[in-house]
Amino acid sequence: ENIEHILYPSKERNIYDIFGRKYRVYADDFIKRYYQPVHKAVAKGNKLKNDFRNRVKKLGLTHEESVLTQYLLEGKIDEYKQYIKVKKINLSQKQNAKIDRAVVEFRNIYNEIFSMINEAEIRNGIEPTEFRQNYAPHFSDNLSNHIIARVLNKAGFKITRSDEIPTSISGITEINKPKRQWFKHLQRRIGDKTIVDAVRGFDQYIDTAVDVITLTDSIQRFRQLEDAIRYKHTDQGMQNVIEKIRNNKTLSYLQKQKKIDEIFENNTSNIERLTNLDGGNMGMRNFVTALRRYTDSLAGKKSRGDRSIEDDIGREIYQISKQTQNRVAADMVAGNIATWLTNFIPLTQATGEIDLPNLFRGMRDTIKAYGNDDGFVAGSAFLTNRRGSKYLLQTNLQKVGGFLGTPMEFIDHFVADSIVRGRTYQNIDKGLDYDASIDEADAFAASLMADRSKGAMPEIFERQNPITKLFTMFQIEANNQLRYIGKDIYRRLGDYGGQAVATALASIFTTGYIYNNFYQMLTGRRSAFDPMGTRNCPYC
C-alpha cells in the first residue's frame, strides 16, 4: 500500500483495502480482534473519567476548600494551618466536615486508580508502579515566557509548555517504543514544587491515568502483532537468535522484549536486503510501519510529521501555534449557525443504508431519551466516545466557547444517536443479536460521520503541527464523506448487485439535494455532497 493509503483513510478502511474483497471475512476478523477493542477501551475510559469526575464534582469544593483538601491529602498540617491564617479563613463545622469527606474521597479515588494501573501493568508484563502513601498529583501551569505567548495569555488564552521533556532524554525519544501511555505522574517525584489545588490536580491527572488503565492492553496487542509480522519476514538466522532470547529463562519479560526490539531496529535480514536490491516484493513493510505509527499514537507519542515541524520552528513556537490554532478553530465553529446546520448532513446520507421507518424510529427514541434515559448511549462505544469527558475546571474563554457551541453539540448528538439507533433496529430486524447489532451500528456510524475519538482518526488528521493543520482543519468529515460514498457503500452492498448500490446512492443524492435546497435558502450556499444540485449550479 502507498503512503496515501496509510495517511488518509481510517484504519478499518486500510484493512479492507489490504485484504481485498476476496478475503473480506478475514478483514472483518482482524478489525474485531485489533481495532474494535481500541474503540471499546476508549469508551470504557470515557466512562471511567466521567464517573471519577462526577465523584469529585459532587464534593462541591470551593477553591479555598480545594487548597486545604490537598494540604491534608499530603499530610501537610503546618501548611494547612498557615494557609488558613494567611487567608484569614474561618471554617465552619460544616466546612470542616466537607473537607474531611473530600480528603477521604480523593484518597479512595487515587487508591482505586493506582490499583487499576497496577493491574494493567502486571497483566501486560510491565513492572508495577510503587505505591505512594498520601498521594496527590503535583503540577504547575508552566506558562510560556515567550513574548507572543505572554500577549495571548493576557487575552485569555493559556499557552503552556505542557510537553517539555528533560534534557537527559531530549532528542532521543523518537526511537523509543513505549509499552503504555507515557504518564508523568508515574515517574519518581523530584522536588516538592506544585500549585496546591486538589480539584485542578485531579483534573489534569485523570485523563492520562485512565488511558494507562484502558489502553495498555491494546498497545501491547499491537506491539506483539508488529513483532510477529517482523519475525515472519526475517531470515532463519535472525529467527533463531530471537528464539534463543525468548527461551532465555535468566531474562525478564521486559529484558527479552528490549533485546528483540534492538534486533528489529538495528538489523535488516539478508532476505530483505536481497529483495531490496532485486526490486522484489518487500513483504509488508508499509503495513508494519503503519502499525508502528498507530501504536505509538495510542501510547501518546508525537507523530514523525509533528516532530519534524517542531525541530524546524522550535518547541516553544510549535506549542504557541498549536494551542492557539486549536482554540481559534473551536471558536470559529462554536457560534456559527451555518456550521451547526451542517451537522444534519449525515442524516441525509444515512438514508442510503438505513430504511426510513427505522431511521425515524431512531430519531423518535432519541428525543424520548432526553426525558427518560434508556441507557442506549452508554451501551454504544461510538456514542460514548462522541461525548467524551470534559474538564471540571475551565478558563473563561473555554466556558464562552463551550456555551456558544452547545447548539452544535446538541445537533451532533441528536444525529449520531438517531443513526446508531436506526441502524441497530435494522440489524435486529435482520436477525442479529443486540450486541452484534450495536457493534455493527457503531462501525457504520463511524464510517458515515467520521469518528474523532482516540485511535479512530486517519493518521494525517491526528497531526497537531500548524503546517499540516492549515490543510486538514475541518476536513476530516469531507474526507470521510467522499470515502464513504466512493468505497464503503460498494463494500457493504456490492454483493447484493449494482442495483442495491445504485438505489443507496440515489437515496443519498436525493435527500442531499432536498437538504441543500433548504440550506441554500438559509445561508446562500450548498454544503452536502449533491451531484443533482451541482448539475444546475456548478459553482454553488
Protein backbone atom coordinates (compact mmCIF):
# COMPACT_ATOMS: atom_id res chain seq x y z
CA GLU A 1 0.00 0.00 0.00
CA ASN A 2 1.24 3.50 -0.82
CA ILE A 3 1.57 6.47 1.52
CA GLU A 4 -1.87 7.83 0.59
CA HIS A 5 -3.45 4.65 1.91
CA ILE A 6 -1.50 4.91 5.17
CA LEU A 7 -2.26 8.54 5.99
CA TYR A 8 -5.75 9.43 4.76
CA PRO A 9 -8.26 6.57 5.23
CA SER A 10 -9.38 5.29 8.61
CA LYS A 11 -7.59 2.22 9.97
CA GLU A 12 -10.54 -0.01 9.17
CA ARG A 13 -10.67 1.15 5.55
CA ASN A 14 -6.95 0.41 5.26
CA ILE A 15 -7.52 -3.15 6.40
CA TYR A 16 -10.34 -3.71 3.91
CA ASP A 17 -8.13 -2.37 1.12
CA ILE A 18 -5.21 -4.57 2.13
CA PHE A 19 -7.21 -7.80 2.42
CA GLY A 20 -9.33 -7.07 -0.64
CA ARG A 21 -12.85 -8.16 -1.48
CA LYS A 22 -11.91 -11.83 -1.76
CA TYR A 23 -10.68 -12.00 1.85
CA ARG A 24 -13.16 -9.58 3.41
CA VAL A 25 -14.13 -12.11 6.09
CA TYR A 26 -10.52 -12.07 7.34
CA ALA A 27 -10.53 -8.28 7.32
CA ASP A 28 -13.66 -8.33 9.50
CA ASP A 29 -11.97 -10.73 11.90
CA PHE A 30 -8.79 -8.58 12.02
CA ILE A 31 -10.79 -5.44 12.80
CA LYS A 32 -12.78 -7.19 15.54
CA ARG A 33 -9.61 -8.59 17.08
CA TYR A 34 -7.47 -5.45 16.99
CA TYR A 35 -9.27 -2.17 16.24
CA GLN A 36 -12.69 -2.74 17.78
CA PRO A 37 -11.15 -3.38 21.25
CA VAL A 38 -9.42 0.02 20.98
CA HIS A 39 -12.72 1.85 20.42
CA LYS A 40 -14.34 -0.06 23.28
CA ALA A 41 -11.35 0.63 25.54
CA VAL A 42 -11.58 4.36 24.78
CA ALA A 43 -15.31 4.23 25.58
CA LYS A 44 -14.58 2.42 28.84
CA GLY A 45 -12.03 5.12 29.60
CA ASN A 46 -14.51 7.92 28.95
CA LYS A 47 -16.98 6.27 31.31
CA LEU A 48 -14.31 5.93 33.99
CA LYS A 49 -13.24 9.56 33.59
CA ASN A 50 -16.83 10.76 33.85
CA ASP A 51 -17.50 8.56 36.88
CA PHE A 52 -14.45 9.85 38.72
CA ARG A 53 -15.10 13.45 37.67
CA ASN A 54 -18.69 13.20 38.87
CA ARG A 55 -17.49 11.94 42.25
CA VAL A 56 -15.20 14.96 42.57
CA LYS A 57 -17.88 17.34 41.30
CA LYS A 58 -20.32 16.13 43.95
CA LEU A 59 -17.89 17.27 46.64
CA GLY A 60 -18.74 20.87 45.66
CA LEU A 61 -15.40 22.29 46.79
CA THR A 62 -14.61 25.98 46.53
CA HIS A 63 -11.08 26.99 45.55
CA GLU A 64 -10.04 27.55 49.17
CA GLU A 65 -11.55 24.23 50.24
CA SER A 66 -9.73 22.52 47.37
CA VAL A 67 -6.40 24.01 48.52
CA LEU A 68 -6.99 22.88 52.11
CA THR A 69 -8.01 19.44 50.90
CA GLN A 70 -4.69 18.98 49.10
CA TYR A 71 -2.68 20.01 52.14
CA LEU A 72 -4.50 17.40 54.22
CA LEU A 73 -4.18 14.80 51.45
CA GLU A 74 -0.40 15.13 51.62
CA GLY A 75 -0.35 15.31 55.40
CA LYS A 76 0.99 18.88 55.40
CA ILE A 77 -0.69 20.07 58.58
CA ASP A 78 1.61 23.06 59.15
CA GLU A 79 0.97 24.39 55.64
CA TYR A 80 -2.75 23.79 56.16
CA LYS A 81 -2.76 25.94 59.30
CA GLN A 82 -0.57 28.61 57.70
CA TYR A 83 -2.92 28.92 54.70
CA ILE A 84 -5.92 29.40 57.00
CA LYS A 85 -4.02 32.05 58.95
CA VAL A 86 -2.75 33.98 55.91
CA LYS A 87 -6.12 33.91 54.12
CA LYS A 88 -7.97 34.65 57.40
CA ILE A 89 -10.37 31.79 56.81
CA ASN A 90 -12.98 30.97 59.43
CA LEU A 91 -14.04 27.39 58.76
CA SER A 92 -17.48 26.41 59.98
CA GLN A 93 -18.19 22.97 61.35
CA LYS A 94 -19.98 22.15 58.10
CA GLN A 95 -16.93 23.18 56.02
CA ASN A 96 -14.59 21.11 58.18
CA ALA A 97 -16.79 18.06 57.67
CA LYS A 98 -16.93 18.79 53.93
CA ILE A 99 -13.12 18.97 53.64
CA ASP A 100 -12.72 15.78 55.68
CA ARG A 101 -15.12 13.97 53.35
CA ALA A 102 -13.20 15.31 50.37
CA VAL A 103 -9.89 14.00 51.73
CA VAL A 104 -11.39 10.54 52.21
CA GLU A 105 -12.94 10.56 48.73
CA PHE A 106 -9.76 11.72 46.99
CA ARG A 107 -7.72 9.04 48.78
CA ASN A 108 -10.24 6.41 47.74
CA ILE A 109 -10.13 7.63 44.14
CA TYR A 110 -6.33 7.68 43.90
CA ASN A 111 -6.06 4.25 45.55
CA GLU A 112 -8.63 2.82 43.11
CA ILE A 113 -6.81 4.33 40.14
CA PHE A 114 -3.44 3.11 41.42
CA SER A 115 -4.78 -0.44 41.79
CA MET A 116 -6.22 -0.40 38.26
CA ILE A 117 -2.94 0.92 36.83
CA ASN A 118 -1.02 -1.83 38.60
CA GLU A 119 -3.43 -4.47 37.28
CA ALA A 120 -2.91 -3.23 33.72
CA GLU A 121 0.88 -3.21 34.18
CA ILE A 122 1.08 -6.69 35.70
CA ARG A 123 -1.34 -8.10 33.12
CA ASN A 124 0.98 -6.90 30.37
CA GLY A 125 4.30 -7.85 31.91
CA ILE A 126 5.24 -4.30 32.92
CA GLU A 127 6.91 -3.69 36.25
CA PRO A 128 4.18 -2.34 38.58
CA THR A 129 4.43 1.20 39.89
CA GLU A 130 5.41 1.57 43.53
CA PHE A 131 2.57 2.58 45.87
CA ARG A 132 2.73 6.11 47.30
CA GLN A 133 1.25 6.97 50.65
CA ASN A 134 -0.82 10.18 50.95
CA TYR A 135 -0.54 10.77 47.21
CA ALA A 136 -1.83 13.86 45.42
CA PRO A 137 -0.70 14.93 41.93
CA HIS A 138 1.80 17.77 41.69
CA PHE A 139 1.51 20.12 38.74
CA SER A 140 2.25 23.63 37.55
CA ASP A 141 0.79 25.85 34.85
CA ASN A 142 4.27 26.11 33.30
CA LEU A 143 3.15 29.10 31.23
CA SER A 144 5.33 30.02 28.28
CA ASN A 145 7.56 33.08 28.73
CA HIS A 146 7.73 33.78 25.01
CA ILE A 147 6.55 37.32 24.21
CA ILE A 148 3.80 36.06 21.86
CA ALA A 149 2.57 33.64 24.50
CA ARG A 150 2.50 36.36 27.16
CA VAL A 151 0.34 38.55 24.91
CA LEU A 152 -2.05 35.68 24.16
CA ASN A 153 -2.28 34.72 27.83
CA LYS A 154 -3.29 38.29 28.65
CA ALA A 155 -6.09 37.93 26.08
CA GLY A 156 -7.49 34.85 27.84
CA PHE A 157 -5.53 32.05 26.21
CA LYS A 158 -3.44 29.68 28.28
CA ILE A 159 -0.27 28.94 26.33
CA THR A 160 1.78 26.41 28.28
CA ARG A 161 4.95 24.42 27.83
CA SER A 162 2.93 21.33 28.59
CA ASP A 163 5.04 18.73 26.81
CA GLU A 164 8.55 19.82 27.72
CA ILE A 165 10.85 16.90 28.38
CA PRO A 166 14.01 16.58 30.48
CA THR A 167 17.36 17.37 28.88
CA SER A 168 18.54 13.81 29.57
CA ILE A 169 16.10 12.34 27.04
CA SER A 170 15.71 15.30 24.68
CA GLY A 171 16.36 14.32 21.07
CA ILE A 172 16.24 10.55 21.63
CA THR A 173 12.54 9.95 22.36
CA GLU A 174 11.84 9.32 18.67
CA ILE A 175 13.48 5.88 18.87
CA ASN A 176 11.56 4.83 21.97
CA LYS A 177 8.91 2.14 21.67
CA PRO A 178 6.59 2.75 24.66
CA LYS A 179 4.63 -0.20 26.07
CA ARG A 180 1.94 2.05 27.54
CA GLN A 181 0.81 5.68 27.56
CA TRP A 182 3.62 7.83 28.96
CA PHE A 183 2.43 9.32 32.27
CA LYS A 184 4.49 11.86 34.15
CA HIS A 185 2.70 11.10 37.42
CA LEU A 186 4.11 7.55 37.38
CA GLN A 187 7.66 8.91 37.38
CA ARG A 188 9.66 9.37 40.57
CA ARG A 189 8.91 12.80 42.01
CA ILE A 190 11.83 15.19 42.33
CA GLY A 191 11.22 18.27 44.48
CA ASP A 192 8.01 19.47 46.06
CA LYS A 193 7.04 22.46 43.91
CA THR A 194 3.39 22.47 42.87
CA ILE A 195 0.24 24.54 42.57
CA VAL A 196 -1.85 23.49 45.54
CA ASP A 197 -5.36 22.68 44.32
CA ALA A 198 -6.83 19.19 44.75
CA VAL A 199 -9.50 19.57 42.07
CA ARG A 200 -7.21 21.07 39.40
CA GLY A 201 -4.56 18.46 40.12
CA PHE A 202 -7.12 15.68 39.73
CA ASP A 203 -8.49 17.22 36.52
CA GLN A 204 -5.02 17.18 34.94
CA TYR A 205 -4.24 13.71 36.27
CA ILE A 206 -7.29 11.66 35.39
CA ASP A 207 -7.21 11.62 31.57
CA THR A 208 -3.77 10.06 31.15
CA ALA A 209 -4.19 7.83 34.22
CA VAL A 210 -7.28 6.26 32.69
CA ASP A 211 -5.56 5.91 29.32
CA VAL A 212 -2.89 3.82 31.05
CA ILE A 213 -5.62 1.66 32.58
CA THR A 214 -7.70 1.11 29.46
CA LEU A 215 -5.28 1.28 26.51
CA THR A 216 -2.23 -0.66 27.74
CA ASP A 217 -3.78 -3.97 26.63
CA SER A 218 -4.34 -2.67 23.10
CA ILE A 219 -0.87 -1.12 22.91
CA GLN A 220 0.72 -4.43 23.87
CA ARG A 221 -1.52 -6.35 21.46
CA PHE A 222 -0.39 -4.18 18.55
CA ARG A 223 3.28 -4.38 19.64
CA GLN A 224 3.03 -8.18 19.59
CA LEU A 225 1.39 -8.10 16.16
CA GLU A 226 4.16 -5.88 14.83
CA ASP A 227 6.82 -8.20 16.25
CA ALA A 228 5.06 -11.25 14.79
CA ILE A 229 4.98 -9.72 11.30
CA ARG A 230 8.62 -8.65 11.50
CA TYR A 231 9.58 -12.13 12.73
CA LYS A 232 7.67 -13.75 9.87
CA HIS A 233 9.60 -11.70 7.32
CA THR A 234 13.10 -12.24 8.73
CA ASP A 235 15.53 -14.95 7.66
CA GLN A 236 16.08 -18.19 9.54
CA GLY A 237 19.27 -16.96 11.19
CA MET A 238 17.60 -13.97 12.80
CA GLN A 239 14.61 -16.09 13.83
CA ASN A 240 17.00 -18.45 15.65
CA VAL A 241 18.53 -15.53 17.54
CA ILE A 242 15.09 -14.29 18.56
CA GLU A 243 14.04 -17.77 19.73
CA LYS A 244 17.15 -18.02 21.91
CA ILE A 245 16.22 -14.73 23.59
CA ARG A 246 12.62 -15.85 24.14
CA ASN A 247 13.78 -19.13 25.70
CA ASN A 248 16.37 -17.49 27.97
CA LYS A 249 14.97 -18.01 31.47
CA THR A 250 17.51 -15.66 33.06
CA LEU A 251 15.92 -12.64 31.35
CA SER A 252 12.74 -10.90 32.48
CA TYR A 253 9.90 -10.23 30.06
CA LEU A 254 10.97 -6.60 29.70
CA GLN A 255 14.64 -7.56 29.11
CA LYS A 256 13.62 -10.06 26.42
CA GLN A 257 11.42 -7.51 24.69
CA LYS A 258 14.15 -4.89 24.76
CA LYS A 259 16.66 -7.24 23.13
CA ILE A 260 14.17 -8.29 20.46
CA ASP A 261 13.33 -4.63 19.76
CA GLU A 262 17.04 -3.89 19.31
CA ILE A 263 17.33 -6.72 16.78
CA PHE A 264 14.43 -5.41 14.71
CA GLU A 265 15.62 -1.82 14.97
CA ASN A 266 19.28 -2.35 14.14
CA ASN A 267 19.24 -5.20 11.63
CA THR A 268 17.87 -5.89 8.18
CA SER A 269 17.58 -9.54 7.28
CA ASN A 270 19.55 -10.97 4.36
CA ILE A 271 16.31 -11.80 2.57
CA GLU A 272 15.12 -8.20 2.80
CA ARG A 273 18.49 -6.95 1.53
CA LEU A 274 18.30 -9.24 -1.48
CA THR A 275 14.70 -8.38 -2.35
CA ASN A 276 15.50 -4.71 -1.93
CA LEU A 277 18.43 -4.90 -4.37
CA ASP A 278 16.41 -7.03 -6.73
CA GLY A 279 13.44 -4.69 -6.65
CA GLY A 280 11.30 -7.58 -5.45
CA ASN A 281 8.43 -7.78 -3.03
CA MET A 282 9.34 -6.25 0.32
CA GLY A 283 6.57 -8.08 2.11
CA MET A 284 4.55 -5.89 4.48
CA ARG A 285 6.96 -3.05 5.19
CA ASN A 286 4.38 -0.25 4.72
CA PHE A 287 1.82 -2.12 6.78
CA VAL A 288 4.18 -2.77 9.67
CA THR A 289 5.28 0.88 9.54
CA ALA A 290 1.63 1.95 9.79
CA LEU A 291 1.15 -0.41 12.74
CA ARG A 292 4.15 1.09 14.50
CA ARG A 293 2.91 4.65 13.98
CA TYR A 294 -0.60 3.75 15.12
CA THR A 295 0.61 2.06 18.29
CA ASP A 296 2.94 4.97 19.06
CA SER A 297 -0.05 7.29 18.72
CA LEU A 298 -2.09 5.17 21.15
CA ALA A 299 0.81 5.41 23.59
CA GLY A 300 0.72 9.22 23.35
CA LYS A 301 3.88 9.52 21.27
CA LYS A 302 4.19 12.51 18.94
CA SER A 303 4.00 11.66 15.23
CA ARG A 304 7.01 11.90 12.94
CA GLY A 305 5.30 14.64 10.96
CA ASP A 306 4.87 16.75 14.09
CA ARG A 307 8.44 16.11 15.24
CA SER A 308 9.95 17.38 12.00
CA ILE A 309 7.98 20.64 12.15
CA GLU A 310 8.80 21.08 15.83
CA ASP A 311 12.51 20.63 15.09
CA ASP A 312 12.35 23.26 12.35
CA ILE A 313 10.49 26.02 14.20
CA GLY A 314 11.41 25.20 17.81
CA ARG A 315 9.35 23.59 20.56
CA GLU A 316 8.06 26.84 22.08
CA ILE A 317 6.83 28.37 18.80
CA TYR A 318 5.35 24.99 17.92
CA GLN A 319 3.38 24.94 21.19
CA ILE A 320 2.17 28.52 20.75
CA SER A 321 0.98 27.79 17.20
CA LYS A 322 -0.69 24.51 18.12
CA GLN A 323 -2.55 25.74 21.19
CA THR A 324 -3.66 28.99 19.54
CA GLN A 325 -4.82 27.18 16.42
CA ASN A 326 -6.85 24.66 18.43
CA ARG A 327 -8.59 27.39 20.40
CA VAL A 328 -9.30 29.53 17.33
CA ALA A 329 -10.63 26.51 15.40
CA ALA A 330 -13.06 25.67 18.20
CA ASP A 331 -14.28 29.26 18.45
CA MET A 332 -14.71 29.60 14.67
CA VAL A 333 -17.42 26.93 14.59
CA ALA A 334 -18.91 27.46 18.05
CA GLY A 335 -21.07 30.48 17.22
CA ASN A 336 -21.56 29.77 13.53
CA ILE A 337 -25.19 28.87 12.81
CA ALA A 338 -24.38 27.75 9.26
CA THR A 339 -21.88 25.27 10.67
CA TRP A 340 -24.40 23.97 13.22
CA LEU A 341 -26.82 23.09 10.43
CA THR A 342 -24.23 21.06 8.50
CA ASN A 343 -24.36 18.53 11.33
CA PHE A 344 -27.69 17.35 9.90
CA ILE A 345 -25.99 16.17 6.68
CA PRO A 346 -25.20 12.62 7.94
CA LEU A 347 -28.94 12.04 8.38
CA THR A 348 -29.42 12.54 4.63
CA GLN A 349 -26.58 10.12 3.88
CA ALA A 350 -27.87 7.52 6.32
CA THR A 351 -30.96 7.04 4.14
CA GLY A 352 -28.78 5.10 1.70
CA GLU A 353 -28.30 2.19 4.11
CA ILE A 354 -30.97 2.64 6.80
CA ASP A 355 -34.60 2.27 5.82
CA LEU A 356 -36.75 5.28 6.69
CA PRO A 357 -39.02 3.55 9.27
CA ASN A 358 -36.03 2.52 11.39
CA LEU A 359 -34.31 5.88 10.92
CA PHE A 360 -37.45 7.75 12.04
CA ARG A 361 -37.81 5.32 14.93
CA GLY A 362 -34.23 6.09 15.91
CA MET A 363 -34.97 9.83 15.84
CA ARG A 364 -38.12 9.34 17.89
CA ASP A 365 -36.40 7.25 20.56
CA THR A 366 -33.50 9.72 20.72
CA ILE A 367 -35.96 12.51 21.55
CA LYS A 368 -37.74 10.33 24.12
CA ALA A 369 -34.41 9.50 25.79
CA TYR A 370 -33.83 13.20 26.56
CA GLY A 371 -36.67 12.96 29.06
CA ASN A 372 -36.05 9.42 30.27
CA ASP A 373 -32.60 7.95 29.63
CA ASP A 374 -32.96 4.37 28.39
CA GLY A 375 -29.22 3.57 28.69
CA PHE A 376 -28.73 3.15 24.93
CA VAL A 377 -25.90 5.69 24.66
CA ALA A 378 -23.94 4.02 27.46
CA GLY A 379 -24.05 0.74 25.52
CA SER A 380 -22.59 2.26 22.37
CA ALA A 381 -18.83 2.79 22.15
CA PHE A 382 -19.22 5.27 19.29
CA LEU A 383 -21.80 7.43 21.10
CA THR A 384 -19.90 7.28 24.39
CA ASN A 385 -16.73 8.44 22.66
CA ARG A 386 -18.69 11.12 20.78
CA ARG A 387 -19.49 12.73 24.13
CA GLY A 388 -16.06 12.20 25.65
CA SER A 389 -15.19 13.64 29.06
CA LYS A 390 -14.96 17.33 29.92
CA TYR A 391 -12.71 19.11 32.41
CA LEU A 392 -14.28 20.16 35.69
CA LEU A 393 -12.43 23.49 35.63
CA GLN A 394 -12.24 25.70 32.53
CA THR A 395 -10.93 29.15 31.70
CA ASN A 396 -13.45 31.92 30.98
CA LEU A 397 -12.58 31.69 27.28
CA GLN A 398 -13.27 27.95 27.30
CA LYS A 399 -16.58 28.49 29.09
CA VAL A 400 -17.72 31.04 26.50
CA GLY A 401 -16.67 28.73 23.66
CA GLY A 402 -18.49 25.82 25.28
CA PHE A 403 -21.66 27.87 25.71
CA LEU A 404 -21.65 29.07 22.10
CA GLY A 405 -21.02 25.52 20.88
CA THR A 406 -23.93 23.99 22.80
CA PRO A 407 -26.40 24.06 19.84
CA MET A 408 -23.84 22.45 17.53
CA GLU A 409 -23.10 19.76 20.09
CA PHE A 410 -26.82 19.11 20.64
CA ILE A 411 -27.42 18.63 16.89
CA ASP A 412 -24.38 16.37 16.58
CA HIS A 413 -25.57 14.16 19.44
CA PHE A 414 -29.11 14.01 18.08
CA VAL A 415 -27.93 12.98 14.62
CA ALA A 416 -25.37 10.44 15.89
CA ASP A 417 -27.83 8.89 18.36
CA SER A 418 -30.55 8.66 15.69
CA ILE A 419 -28.24 6.95 13.20
CA VAL A 420 -26.83 4.40 15.65
CA ARG A 421 -30.30 3.61 16.98
CA GLY A 422 -31.80 3.31 13.49
CA ARG A 423 -29.01 1.03 12.27
CA THR A 424 -29.25 -1.10 15.42
CA TYR A 425 -33.00 -1.57 14.94
CA GLN A 426 -32.44 -2.51 11.31
CA ASN A 427 -29.77 -5.05 12.27
CA ILE A 428 -32.10 -6.62 14.84
CA ASP A 429 -34.81 -6.86 12.17
CA LYS A 430 -32.30 -8.81 10.04
CA GLY A 431 -31.75 -11.35 12.82
CA LEU A 432 -28.58 -10.11 14.56
CA ASP A 433 -28.46 -10.25 18.36
CA TYR A 434 -28.39 -6.96 20.27
CA ASP A 435 -24.64 -6.85 20.97
CA ALA A 436 -23.71 -7.65 17.37
CA SER A 437 -26.31 -5.15 16.15
CA ILE A 438 -24.96 -2.26 18.17
CA ASP A 439 -21.32 -3.12 17.34
CA GLU A 440 -22.13 -3.06 13.63
CA ALA A 441 -24.13 0.16 14.07
CA ASP A 442 -21.13 1.77 15.78
CA ALA A 443 -18.87 0.78 12.88
CA PHE A 444 -21.44 2.03 10.38
CA ALA A 445 -21.82 5.40 12.14
CA ALA A 446 -18.04 5.82 12.34
CA SER A 447 -17.74 5.24 8.58
CA LEU A 448 -20.61 7.63 7.90
CA MET A 449 -19.90 10.50 10.31
CA ALA A 450 -16.14 10.21 10.99
CA ASP A 451 -15.02 9.13 14.45
CA ARG A 452 -12.77 11.70 16.15
CA SER A 453 -12.00 9.62 19.24
CA LYS A 454 -8.53 8.41 20.16
CA GLY A 455 -7.29 5.67 17.84
CA ALA A 456 -10.03 6.26 15.25
CA MET A 457 -8.89 9.14 13.03
CA PRO A 458 -6.68 8.76 9.94
CA GLU A 459 -3.07 9.45 10.81
CA ILE A 460 -2.73 12.75 9.00
CA PHE A 461 -5.72 14.20 10.86
CA GLU A 462 -4.13 13.33 14.19
CA ARG A 463 -1.14 15.53 13.46
CA GLN A 464 -1.11 18.73 15.50
CA ASN A 465 1.56 20.80 13.79
CA PRO A 466 0.36 24.15 12.39
CA ILE A 467 1.54 23.46 8.82
CA THR A 468 -0.48 20.27 8.38
CA LYS A 469 -3.44 21.81 10.23
CA LEU A 470 -3.70 24.51 7.57
CA PHE A 471 -4.81 21.80 5.14
CA THR A 472 -6.63 19.33 7.42
CA MET A 473 -8.61 21.61 9.74
CA PHE A 474 -12.37 20.98 9.31
CA GLN A 475 -11.61 18.46 6.53
CA ILE A 476 -11.99 15.10 8.27
CA GLU A 477 -15.75 15.00 7.62
CA ALA A 478 -15.29 15.94 3.95
CA ASN A 479 -12.57 13.30 3.55
CA ASN A 480 -14.74 10.73 5.29
CA GLN A 481 -17.84 11.61 3.28
CA LEU A 482 -16.14 11.01 -0.08
CA ARG A 483 -14.64 7.72 1.07
CA TYR A 484 -17.98 6.58 2.46
CA ILE A 485 -19.75 7.26 -0.84
CA GLY A 486 -16.86 6.08 -3.01
CA LYS A 487 -15.89 2.93 -1.09
CA ASP A 488 -17.96 1.92 1.92
CA ILE A 489 -21.33 1.67 0.20
CA TYR A 490 -19.95 -0.54 -2.55
CA ARG A 491 -18.11 -2.71 0.01
CA ARG A 492 -21.25 -3.29 2.07
CA LEU A 493 -23.81 -3.54 -0.73
CA GLY A 494 -21.74 -4.76 -3.70
CA ASP A 495 -22.55 -8.40 -3.02
CA TYR A 496 -26.25 -7.59 -3.49
CA GLY A 497 -25.64 -6.31 -7.01
CA GLY A 498 -25.32 -2.99 -8.79
CA GLN A 499 -28.97 -2.13 -8.27
CA ALA A 500 -28.56 -2.11 -4.48
CA VAL A 501 -25.59 0.25 -4.75
CA ALA A 502 -27.40 2.49 -7.24
CA THR A 503 -30.51 2.64 -5.02
CA ALA A 504 -28.44 3.65 -1.99
CA LEU A 505 -26.61 6.37 -3.92
CA ALA A 506 -29.85 7.65 -5.43
CA SER A 507 -31.35 7.98 -1.96
CA ILE A 508 -28.28 9.86 -0.67
CA PHE A 509 -28.19 12.23 -3.63
CA THR A 510 -31.95 12.91 -3.48
CA THR A 511 -32.03 13.67 0.26
CA GLY A 512 -28.83 15.69 -0.12
CA TYR A 513 -30.46 17.72 -2.88
CA ILE A 514 -33.54 18.41 -0.72
CA TYR A 515 -31.35 19.34 2.26
CA ASN A 516 -29.23 21.68 0.13
CA ASN A 517 -32.30 23.50 -1.19
CA PHE A 518 -33.34 24.36 2.38
CA TYR A 519 -29.77 25.10 3.44
CA GLN A 520 -29.24 27.41 0.47
CA MET A 521 -32.35 29.39 1.35
CA LEU A 522 -30.93 29.98 4.84
CA THR A 523 -27.23 30.50 4.10
CA GLY A 524 -26.88 31.11 0.37
CA ARG A 525 -24.71 28.05 -0.28
CA ARG A 526 -24.94 24.27 -0.63
CA SER A 527 -22.92 22.12 1.82
CA ALA A 528 -23.95 18.48 1.28
CA PHE A 529 -22.48 16.33 -1.48
CA ASP A 530 -25.08 16.95 -4.17
CA PRO A 531 -24.46 15.89 -7.81
CA MET A 532 -28.05 16.78 -8.73
CA GLY A 533 -27.69 20.34 -7.49
CA THR A 534 -24.20 20.73 -8.93
CA ARG A 535 -25.55 19.95 -12.39
CA ASN A 536 -27.81 23.00 -12.15
CA CYS A 537 -25.36 25.20 -10.26
CA PRO A 538 -21.74 24.12 -10.88
CA TYR A 539 -20.30 26.98 -8.79
CA CYS A 540 -22.58 26.54 -5.71
